[in-house]
């Protein structure tokens, strides 16, 4: 087929997986892409800033080649960027806010993939220094990271896993997570980004995070809800889904502890910690118009609070455990 160059560099196993799981057919790839492209005229209110084959393909993959759904996601992607222009104004790794978040380990990205070929992203919630990073900058750093990672076709097909470690995350920190900013994050990740999320795993979450989770549940699609796992301090249930050999020691895995600067160094180049303007940025957002801003000088990052997860032989904590408890009103938010 003349269009298989779109699958260039994919292993035969991944091509087969795409066929089985995503209904990807190399022979009609071009027609599928064209049919999504033909729908663009139905939304003159949205500026589709990028419409090349490779770009549209990632939306088809994210929606299992259901053309209407893929188009809806493509429209959402640009609409979200249009409605939140300030978030994408200087959408580059060396933007001061994004750079600070990356340097502080938001997000962490493990080098090796899990046994299903998925990329593992880590968030250590307690490291969020609210005087240093706004939630928006952390969200921007996560979206930029995904933007860079999704260039990899294998990840378009295999997807991502997100693990959030809530140990030592204080009630005061949690109180900054208002429903409106959580909704912004859910819209950006669940409804507007062409990635497959194989699972979102909460580890060591305190009761108030459980309460927050019940508040945001209405914004989650059923499909998303089924993929959110609340493990509490039971790492065994985590290991049933992600093998310990893919995990750092904080999650009871066999890998060394995660070094917070790993992903920042990848994105910013080897000299990411010095204070001058960056000459090296491996990723300049193609499809976001940006004004360059001078990088403000900043103090070197504070030493991070680092939490070693407590492994307790607790009972298996299941997703819907304790949902009926009246935890909801305890968090007065907004």
Foldseek 3Di string as FASTA:
>chain_A
DVQCVLVPPPDPVLVVLCCVPQVDDSVCLVVLLVVLVVCCVVCPVFDQLDRDSNVLSLLSLLVSSPSVNSSQLSRLQRVLCVVPVVLQAQLFCLAQQLVQLLQLCLWPWAPAAFPLRATEIEAEQQQDDCVRHPVSSSLSNNLSVVVVVVSDVSQSNRFHEYEYECPPPDPVNVQSPFLVVVLSSCSNPVRHDSTHYQAYEYEQDDLVVVLVCLVCVVSDDPVHLVRYWYFNLALVVVCVVTPLCRDDQLSPHPRHHGDSNVVSCVQQPPPSQDFADGPDGPDRPPRRHYDDDGHDGDDGDDDGDDDRRDRDNDPGDGSCPPVPPPSHVVRDHD
